Every structure is written in structure tokens, then in C-alpha cells.
Amino acid sequence: MEQPLQIVVASKNPAKVRAVANGFTKIFSREVQIERVAAPSGVRDQPMTSVETLTGARNRVAHIRQLRPNADFWVGIEGGIEHFDHRMEAFGWIVIQSPHQTGEAKSANFFLPPEIARRIDAGEELGPVNDDVFGATNSKHKGGAVGLLTNEAVSRTGLYEQALLLALIPFIHPQHYPA
């Protein structure tokens, strides 16, 4: 019997951890053991560009690799926002590393309501603003903005899971992705 995959996730957020567990299980058809480790992103609490968001996910992975060097995989997930076409879009970046490979993918984008965008531009963070606008509690650990905006038809876990599956492509087909 194969040993479970040892995965370190740079987050204690249940929505992110579920996305990792779901995605790795689908691709590798193996048991996974996930260790959750809080890790600094090295970027603003609310990343404001795609580049800053990707940098945050990469920084989280670098941090947990140093703390837990013997894992099979290290995963960083960073949610961010960016102005695009006079609107504000939200998305996430996923970074996955193994000892010999890296995979990265960005989630689908969705536009935030103007009221939320104005408050973020004024310096507030997306999670607390969503909670206030929608009368929710700790939504970033549940369905997130996308869950609130789609009446839970798309959850934060689901949004990140799809991107995680795409970030796993270099691990599925390493012959096409030189390390």
C-alpha cells in the first residue's frame, strides 16, 4: 500500500485546505496527509495586483519549505484583487512545489460589486467588507466573496480547487514541463 502524500499547506484557512485535499485526491487517487502551517505572504494583507498575489503565494511556499523540508508537496494559496477595465476583479493564485517541480495557476476571475470595490480602494480588506455588506460572519473561511455573490453555487473551496488542479498539470505530465 502506498504511503499517504505528505502535503504542507501555507494556511490554516479551512476553505483553502479543503481545496488542496480535494484536488490532490482527485489527481493522485491516494490518501493525503495535510499539515497546516501559518506562513507570511510578504505582501499586503489585501494584495492589489495579480503579480503581488502570485508573489504572496510564492513567498508562503518558500517559508513552509524551510520549516518542513521533508514533505512531498508544499502549497501556497493567495487571494487577491486587481483593477481591470474600470472594475475590480477578485481571484486567487495557487503555487505548488515538490522537491523537483513547480506548478502555478490562477483561478477564474469575477468582478466585485462597486460598493465593495470602493471600500477596498479606501484601504479595507475584502473578507471583513464582505461580512459587513452581506451580514455574514468569517466568510473568508467559508464560501468567500464568490460564495456570497453566487448564493454558494461557487464556493471559495471550489474556485481554488479548480486552480489547484490546473497547477498540478506539471506533476501529471512532467515530461512536458522541465523542472
C-alpha atoms as a PDB file:
ATOM      1  CA  MET A   1       0.000   0.000   0.000  1.00  0.00           C
ATOM      2  CA  GLU A   2       1.288   3.430  -0.927  1.00  0.00           C
ATOM      3  CA  GLN A   3       2.150   5.884   1.805  1.00  0.00           C
ATOM      4  CA  PRO A   4      -0.096   8.954   2.021  1.00  0.00           C
ATOM      5  CA  LEU A   5       1.162  12.042   0.226  1.00  0.00           C
ATOM      6  CA  GLN A   6       2.673  14.453   2.734  1.00  0.00           C
ATOM      7  CA  ILE A   7       1.414  17.927   1.867  1.00  0.00           C
ATOM      8  CA  VAL A   8       2.156  21.127   3.739  1.00  0.00           C
ATOM      9  CA  VAL A   9      -0.317  23.949   3.123  1.00  0.00           C
ATOM     10  CA  ALA A  10       0.701  27.509   3.917  1.00  0.00           C
ATOM     11  CA  SER A  11      -2.632  28.284   5.529  1.00  0.00           C
ATOM     12  CA  LYS A  12      -4.929  27.298   8.336  1.00  0.00           C
ATOM     13  CA  ASN A  13      -7.971  28.506   6.375  1.00  0.00           C
ATOM     14  CA  PRO A  14     -10.419  25.566   6.088  1.00  0.00           C
ATOM     15  CA  ALA A  15     -11.626  26.600   2.609  1.00  0.00           C
ATOM     16  CA  LYS A  16      -8.068  26.526   1.250  1.00  0.00           C
ATOM     17  CA  VAL A  17      -7.168  23.262   2.986  1.00  0.00           C
ATOM     18  CA  ARG A  18     -10.315  21.563   1.597  1.00  0.00           C
ATOM     19  CA  ALA A  19      -9.370  22.705  -1.909  1.00  0.00           C
ATOM     20  CA  VAL A  20      -5.922  21.135  -1.516  1.00  0.00           C
ATOM     21  CA  ALA A  21      -7.269  17.865  -0.120  1.00  0.00           C
ATOM     22  CA  ASN A  22      -9.932  17.577  -2.823  1.00  0.00           C
ATOM     23  CA  GLY A  23      -7.573  18.391  -5.687  1.00  0.00           C
ATOM     24  CA  PHE A  24      -4.703  16.138  -4.679  1.00  0.00           C
ATOM     25  CA  THR A  25      -7.066  13.229  -4.009  1.00  0.00           C
ATOM     26  CA  LYS A  26      -8.688  13.619  -7.457  1.00  0.00           C
ATOM     27  CA  ILE A  27      -5.369  13.701  -9.303  1.00  0.00           C
ATOM     28  CA  PHE A  28      -3.339  11.147  -7.391  1.00  0.00           C
ATOM     29  CA  SER A  29      -6.108   8.812  -6.150  1.00  0.00           C
ATOM     30  CA  ARG A  30      -4.198   8.426  -2.896  1.00  0.00           C
ATOM     31  CA  GLU A  31      -4.650   9.284   0.700  1.00  0.00           C
ATOM     32  CA  VAL A  32      -3.231  12.653   1.644  1.00  0.00           C
ATOM     33  CA  GLN A  33      -1.927  13.903   4.961  1.00  0.00           C
ATOM     34  CA  ILE A  34      -2.092  17.641   5.208  1.00  0.00           C
ATOM     35  CA  GLU A  35      -0.231  19.784   7.669  1.00  0.00           C
ATOM     36  CA  ARG A  36      -1.478  23.333   8.003  1.00  0.00           C
ATOM     37  CA  VAL A  37       1.168  25.944   8.726  1.00  0.00           C
ATOM     38  CA  ALA A  38       0.543  29.665   9.016  1.00  0.00           C
ATOM     39  CA  ALA A  39       3.034  31.400   6.759  1.00  0.00           C
ATOM     40  CA  PRO A  40       3.686  35.061   5.984  1.00  0.00           C
ATOM     41  CA  SER A  41       2.979  36.227   2.461  1.00  0.00           C
ATOM     42  CA  GLY A  42       5.435  39.109   2.499  1.00  0.00           C
ATOM     43  CA  VAL A  43       2.836  41.229   0.676  1.00  0.00           C
ATOM     44  CA  ARG A  44      -0.052  43.421   1.834  1.00  0.00           C
ATOM     45  CA  ASP A  45      -2.901  41.756   3.721  1.00  0.00           C
ATOM     46  CA  GLN A  46      -5.018  42.601   0.682  1.00  0.00           C
ATOM     47  CA  PRO A  47      -2.867  42.075  -2.422  1.00  0.00           C
ATOM     48  CA  MET A  48      -3.918  44.614  -5.047  1.00  0.00           C
ATOM     49  CA  THR A  49      -2.442  43.155  -8.248  1.00  0.00           C
ATOM     50  CA  SER A  50      -2.074  39.758  -9.847  1.00  0.00           C
ATOM     51  CA  VAL A  51       1.716  39.996  -9.562  1.00  0.00           C
ATOM     52  CA  GLU A  52       1.544  40.864  -5.861  1.00  0.00           C
ATOM     53  CA  THR A  53      -0.895  37.993  -5.275  1.00  0.00           C
ATOM     54  CA  LEU A  54       1.349  35.477  -7.065  1.00  0.00           C
ATOM     55  CA  THR A  55       4.339  36.806  -5.111  1.00  0.00           C
ATOM     56  CA  GLY A  56       2.441  36.228  -1.865  1.00  0.00           C
ATOM     57  CA  ALA A  57       1.680  32.598  -2.778  1.00  0.00           C
ATOM     58  CA  ARG A  58       5.309  32.000  -3.782  1.00  0.00           C
ATOM     59  CA  ASN A  59       6.572  33.554  -0.547  1.00  0.00           C
ATOM     60  CA  ARG A  60       4.284  31.362   1.531  1.00  0.00           C
ATOM     61  CA  VAL A  61       5.621  28.232  -0.194  1.00  0.00           C
ATOM     62  CA  ALA A  62       9.227  29.320   0.308  1.00  0.00           C
ATOM     63  CA  HIS A  63       8.535  29.842   4.007  1.00  0.00           C
ATOM     64  CA  ILE A  64       6.900  26.445   4.619  1.00  0.00           C
ATOM     65  CA  ARG A  65       9.574  24.624   2.616  1.00  0.00           C
ATOM     66  CA  GLN A  66      12.155  25.919   5.076  1.00  0.00           C
ATOM     67  CA  LEU A  67      10.016  24.920   8.051  1.00  0.00           C
ATOM     68  CA  ARG A  68       9.004  21.471   6.742  1.00  0.00           C
ATOM     69  CA  PRO A  69      11.673  20.351   4.233  1.00  0.00           C
ATOM     70  CA  ASN A  70      10.641  16.675   4.115  1.00  0.00           C
ATOM     71  CA  ALA A  71       7.173  16.968   2.567  1.00  0.00           C
ATOM     72  CA  ASP A  72       6.145  15.599  -0.829  1.00  0.00           C
ATOM     73  CA  PHE A  73       4.417  18.871  -1.750  1.00  0.00           C
ATOM     74  CA  TRP A  74       4.164  22.437  -0.480  1.00  0.00           C
ATOM     75  CA  VAL A  75       1.160  24.573  -1.407  1.00  0.00           C
ATOM     76  CA  GLY A  76       0.570  28.305  -1.174  1.00  0.00           C
ATOM     77  CA  ILE A  77      -2.766  29.948  -1.972  1.00  0.00           C
ATOM     78  CA  GLU A  78      -3.193  33.698  -2.069  1.00  0.00           C
ATOM     79  CA  GLY A  79      -6.404  35.568  -2.819  1.00  0.00           C
ATOM     80  CA  GLY A  80      -6.096  38.947  -4.466  1.00  0.00           C
ATOM     81  CA  ILE A  81      -7.813  41.683  -6.389  1.00  0.00           C
ATOM     82  CA  GLU A  82      -6.922  43.915  -9.287  1.00  0.00           C
ATOM     83  CA  HIS A  83      -8.451  46.798 -11.198  1.00  0.00           C
ATOM     84  CA  PHE A  84      -9.410  45.774 -14.718  1.00  0.00           C
ATOM     85  CA  ASP A  85     -11.495  47.667 -17.256  1.00  0.00           C
ATOM     86  CA  HIS A  86     -12.705  50.227 -14.659  1.00  0.00           C
ATOM     87  CA  ARG A  87     -13.877  47.451 -12.320  1.00  0.00           C
ATOM     88  CA  MET A  88     -12.322  45.373  -9.551  1.00  0.00           C
ATOM     89  CA  GLU A  89     -11.838  41.668 -10.094  1.00  0.00           C
ATOM     90  CA  ALA A  90     -11.095  39.025  -7.468  1.00  0.00           C
ATOM     91  CA  PHE A  91      -9.116  35.801  -7.973  1.00  0.00           C
ATOM     92  CA  GLY A  92      -6.569  33.539  -6.347  1.00  0.00           C
ATOM     93  CA  TRP A  93      -3.114  32.237  -7.210  1.00  0.00           C
ATOM     94  CA  ILE A  94      -2.023  28.691  -6.370  1.00  0.00           C
ATOM     95  CA  VAL A  95       1.650  27.701  -6.154  1.00  0.00           C
ATOM     96  CA  ILE A  96       2.612  24.047  -5.701  1.00  0.00           C
ATOM     97  CA  GLN A  97       6.149  22.749  -5.312  1.00  0.00           C
ATOM     98  CA  SER A  98       7.635  19.313  -4.895  1.00  0.00           C
ATOM     99  CA  PRO A  99      11.335  18.636  -4.440  1.00  0.00           C
ATOM    100  CA  HIS A 100      11.749  18.665  -8.250  1.00  0.00           C
ATOM    101  CA  GLN A 101       8.840  20.545  -9.826  1.00  0.00           C
ATOM    102  CA  THR A 102       6.719  23.695  -9.592  1.00  0.00           C
ATOM    103  CA  GLY A 103       3.187  24.336 -10.775  1.00  0.00           C
ATOM    104  CA  GLU A 104       1.273  27.604 -10.706  1.00  0.00           C
ATOM    105  CA  ALA A 105      -2.225  28.604 -11.776  1.00  0.00           C
ATOM    106  CA  LYS A 106      -4.622  31.490 -11.361  1.00  0.00           C
ATOM    107  CA  SER A 107      -8.281  30.928 -10.560  1.00  0.00           C
ATOM    108  CA  ALA A 108     -11.180  32.265 -12.545  1.00  0.00           C
ATOM    109  CA  ASN A 109     -11.800  35.980 -12.070  1.00  0.00           C
ATOM    110  CA  PHE A 110     -15.052  37.590 -11.001  1.00  0.00           C
ATOM    111  CA  PHE A 111     -15.991  41.221 -10.561  1.00  0.00           C
ATOM    112  CA  LEU A 112     -16.800  42.679  -7.168  1.00  0.00           C
ATOM    113  CA  PRO A 113     -19.771  44.993  -6.627  1.00  0.00           C
ATOM    114  CA  PRO A 114     -18.866  48.707  -6.869  1.00  0.00           C
ATOM    115  CA  GLU A 115     -19.683  49.300  -3.173  1.00  0.00           C
ATOM    116  CA  ILE A 116     -17.173  46.615  -2.118  1.00  0.00           C
ATOM    117  CA  ALA A 117     -14.568  47.882  -4.595  1.00  0.00           C
ATOM    118  CA  ARG A 118     -14.846  51.435  -3.201  1.00  0.00           C
ATOM    119  CA  ARG A 119     -14.267  50.208   0.344  1.00  0.00           C
ATOM    120  CA  ILE A 120     -11.257  48.135  -0.683  1.00  0.00           C
ATOM    121  CA  ASP A 121      -9.837  51.153  -2.517  1.00  0.00           C
ATOM    122  CA  ALA A 122     -10.267  53.053   0.747  1.00  0.00           C
ATOM    123  CA  GLY A 123      -7.977  50.539   2.478  1.00  0.00           C
ATOM    124  CA  GLU A 124     -10.280  47.834   3.825  1.00  0.00           C
ATOM    125  CA  GLU A 125      -9.736  44.093   3.302  1.00  0.00           C
ATOM    126  CA  LEU A 126     -12.157  42.023   1.199  1.00  0.00           C
ATOM    127  CA  GLY A 127     -13.184  39.476   3.857  1.00  0.00           C
ATOM    128  CA  PRO A 128     -14.394  41.923   6.518  1.00  0.00           C
ATOM    129  CA  VAL A 129     -16.077  44.105   3.871  1.00  0.00           C
ATOM    130  CA  ASN A 130     -17.978  41.084   2.538  1.00  0.00           C
ATOM    131  CA  ASP A 131     -19.073  40.182   6.049  1.00  0.00           C
ATOM    132  CA  ASP A 132     -20.358  43.713   6.611  1.00  0.00           C
ATOM    133  CA  VAL A 133     -22.118  44.102   3.241  1.00  0.00           C
ATOM    134  CA  PHE A 134     -23.717  40.652   3.253  1.00  0.00           C
ATOM    135  CA  GLY A 135     -24.320  40.330   7.005  1.00  0.00           C
ATOM    136  CA  ALA A 136     -22.040  37.279   7.119  1.00  0.00           C
ATOM    137  CA  THR A 137     -19.549  36.095   9.723  1.00  0.00           C
ATOM    138  CA  ASN A 138     -15.996  34.989   8.850  1.00  0.00           C
ATOM    139  CA  SER A 139     -16.954  34.381   5.203  1.00  0.00           C
ATOM    140  CA  LYS A 140     -13.340  34.092   4.069  1.00  0.00           C
ATOM    141  CA  HIS A 141     -13.097  30.787   5.954  1.00  0.00           C
ATOM    142  CA  LYS A 142     -16.298  29.592   4.300  1.00  0.00           C
ATOM    143  CA  GLY A 143     -17.587  30.367   0.801  1.00  0.00           C
ATOM    144  CA  GLY A 144     -15.733  33.654   0.470  1.00  0.00           C
ATOM    145  CA  ALA A 145     -16.785  36.524  -1.785  1.00  0.00           C
ATOM    146  CA  VAL A 146     -17.536  34.179  -4.653  1.00  0.00           C
ATOM    147  CA  GLY A 147     -19.824  32.105  -2.431  1.00  0.00           C
ATOM    148  CA  LEU A 148     -21.704  35.166  -1.207  1.00  0.00           C
ATOM    149  CA  LEU A 149     -22.059  36.566  -4.734  1.00  0.00           C
ATOM    150  CA  THR A 150     -23.240  33.268  -6.292  1.00  0.00           C
ATOM    151  CA  ASN A 151     -25.514  32.209  -3.411  1.00  0.00           C
ATOM    152  CA  GLU A 152     -22.961  29.423  -2.762  1.00  0.00           C
ATOM    153  CA  ALA A 153     -23.258  27.973  -6.285  1.00  0.00           C
ATOM    154  CA  VAL A 154     -19.480  28.507  -6.432  1.00  0.00           C
ATOM    155  CA  SER A 155     -17.563  28.329  -3.161  1.00  0.00           C
ATOM    156  CA  ARG A 156     -14.113  29.609  -2.332  1.00  0.00           C
ATOM    157  CA  THR A 157     -13.042  25.977  -1.979  1.00  0.00           C
ATOM    158  CA  GLY A 158     -14.393  25.173  -5.449  1.00  0.00           C
ATOM    159  CA  LEU A 159     -12.795  28.230  -7.025  1.00  0.00           C
ATOM    160  CA  TYR A 160      -9.409  27.357  -5.548  1.00  0.00           C
ATOM    161  CA  GLU A 161      -9.774  23.632  -6.224  1.00  0.00           C
ATOM    162  CA  GLN A 162     -10.086  24.204  -9.959  1.00  0.00           C
ATOM    163  CA  ALA A 163      -6.956  26.374  -9.990  1.00  0.00           C
ATOM    164  CA  LEU A 164      -5.139  23.807  -7.848  1.00  0.00           C
ATOM    165  CA  LEU A 165      -5.973  21.085 -10.375  1.00  0.00           C
ATOM    166  CA  LEU A 166      -4.527  23.267 -13.124  1.00  0.00           C
ATOM    167  CA  ALA A 167      -1.393  23.960 -11.066  1.00  0.00           C
ATOM    168  CA  LEU A 168      -0.914  20.186 -10.785  1.00  0.00           C
ATOM    169  CA  ILE A 169      -0.554  19.774 -14.569  1.00  0.00           C
ATOM    170  CA  PRO A 170       3.290  19.803 -14.489  1.00  0.00           C
ATOM    171  CA  PHE A 171       3.156  16.988 -11.903  1.00  0.00           C
ATOM    172  CA  ILE A 172       0.743  14.940 -14.018  1.00  0.00           C
ATOM    173  CA  HIS A 173       2.779  15.391 -17.220  1.00  0.00           C
ATOM    174  CA  PRO A 174       6.357  16.083 -16.074  1.00  0.00           C
ATOM    175  CA  GLN A 175       7.724  15.011 -19.470  1.00  0.00           C
ATOM    176  CA  HIS A 176       6.200  18.188 -20.929  1.00  0.00           C
ATOM    177  CA  TYR A 177       7.295  20.535 -18.155  1.00  0.00           C
ATOM    178  CA  PRO A 178      11.039  20.571 -17.496  1.00  0.00           C
ATOM    179  CA  ALA A 179      11.766  21.176 -13.832  1.00  0.00           C
END
